[in-house]
Each structure stands twice: as C-alpha cells, then as structure tokens.
Amino acid sequence: MLLARNYSDCSMSSSFYDADKRTHQKIMFVGLMFCAAFVAISFFARKQPDNNYVLIKADKLVRTAGTPSSAK
C-alpha cells in the first residue's frame, strides 16, 4: 500500500546533538546567555514611566491581599 510508506530513510543521518553532546550543551548555554543578556538590556534600556499610578495600585493590592473586601 502506498499510504503506509516508511519515511525514516528521508530524515537526516546525523544531527548536531548526536555528534557531540558536550559541544551541544556549550552551544545551548551560550545561546541561553545571549537570550538572557538581550532581555536584561531590553528591560533596562526602555524608557521608565513618568507616573507611578500602576505601582501605587499594585502596592495597595499587595497590602490588602487576603483581607475580605467590604460589600458596597
């Protein structure tokens, strides 16, 4: 039957991971460090908000967390 064909011979014969596990781990670590550096630089390089309304509201929510609210 043509539909039940095995495509395992079409895949790559070897991958980078199979070739050298230690080198693969080093490359993954370096990539992770680049991603972390990009996120950190992006976070600290952005313009900080002028108003702090959101910070005040978040602080109020954290302080009142767990206390029952009064019904109005």
Protein backbone atom coordinates (compact mmCIF):
# COMPACT_ATOMS: atom_id res chain seq x y z
CA MET A 1 0.00 0.00 0.00
CA LEU A 2 1.41 3.39 -0.96
CA LEU A 3 -0.02 5.31 2.02
CA ALA A 4 1.74 3.12 4.59
CA ARG A 5 5.20 4.09 3.33
CA ASN A 6 8.08 4.38 5.79
CA TYR A 7 9.72 7.81 5.67
CA SER A 8 12.51 7.07 8.15
CA ASP A 9 15.08 6.98 5.35
CA CYS A 10 14.22 10.59 4.42
CA SER A 11 15.44 12.03 7.74
CA MET A 12 18.93 13.34 8.34
CA SER A 13 21.50 10.69 9.05
CA SER A 14 23.01 12.57 12.00
CA SER A 15 22.28 15.68 13.97
CA PHE A 16 24.45 18.14 15.86
CA TYR A 17 23.22 16.75 19.18
CA ASP A 18 24.16 13.18 18.29
CA ALA A 19 27.61 14.18 17.08
CA ASP A 20 28.92 15.69 20.33
CA LYS A 21 26.76 16.07 23.42
CA ARG A 22 29.26 18.29 25.29
CA THR A 23 29.54 20.74 22.39
CA HIS A 24 25.76 20.81 22.10
CA GLN A 25 25.48 21.71 25.81
CA LYS A 26 28.03 24.52 25.41
CA ILE A 27 26.19 25.96 22.41
CA MET A 28 22.86 25.78 24.25
CA PHE A 29 24.40 27.54 27.28
CA VAL A 30 25.88 30.32 25.13
CA GLY A 31 22.54 30.77 23.37
CA LEU A 32 20.75 30.97 26.72
CA MET A 33 23.22 33.60 27.93
CA PHE A 34 22.68 35.69 24.78
CA CYS A 35 18.92 35.50 25.30
CA ALA A 36 19.22 36.49 28.96
CA ALA A 37 21.52 39.40 28.08
CA PHE A 38 19.11 40.59 25.39
CA VAL A 39 16.16 40.51 27.79
CA ALA A 40 18.13 42.33 30.50
CA ILE A 41 19.39 45.02 28.12
CA SER A 42 15.92 45.46 26.62
CA PHE A 43 14.37 45.83 30.06
CA PHE A 44 16.84 48.38 31.41
CA ALA A 45 17.14 50.36 28.15
CA ARG A 46 13.44 51.13 27.85
CA LYS A 47 12.02 54.44 28.99
CA GLN A 48 10.65 54.21 32.51
CA PRO A 49 7.11 55.51 33.10
CA ASP A 50 6.77 59.06 34.41
CA ASN A 51 3.75 58.37 36.58
CA ASN A 52 3.69 55.68 39.21
CA TYR A 53 -0.08 55.11 39.41
CA VAL A 54 0.30 51.44 38.49
CA LEU A 55 2.95 50.95 41.14
CA ILE A 56 0.78 52.55 43.82
CA LYS A 57 -2.21 50.42 42.83
CA ALA A 58 -0.12 47.24 42.82
CA ASP A 59 1.28 48.13 46.23
CA LYS A 60 -2.26 48.65 47.58
CA LEU A 61 -3.39 45.30 46.14
CA VAL A 62 -0.44 43.51 47.72
CA ARG A 63 -1.04 45.13 51.11
CA THR A 64 -4.72 44.21 51.12
CA ALA A 65 -4.30 40.69 49.73
CA GLY A 66 -6.12 38.11 51.80
CA THR A 67 -8.37 40.54 53.61
CA PRO A 68 -12.07 40.31 52.80
CA SER A 69 -13.41 43.31 50.94
CA SER A 70 -16.41 45.16 52.31
CA ALA A 71 -19.65 44.86 50.39
CA LYS A 72 -20.92 48.13 48.96
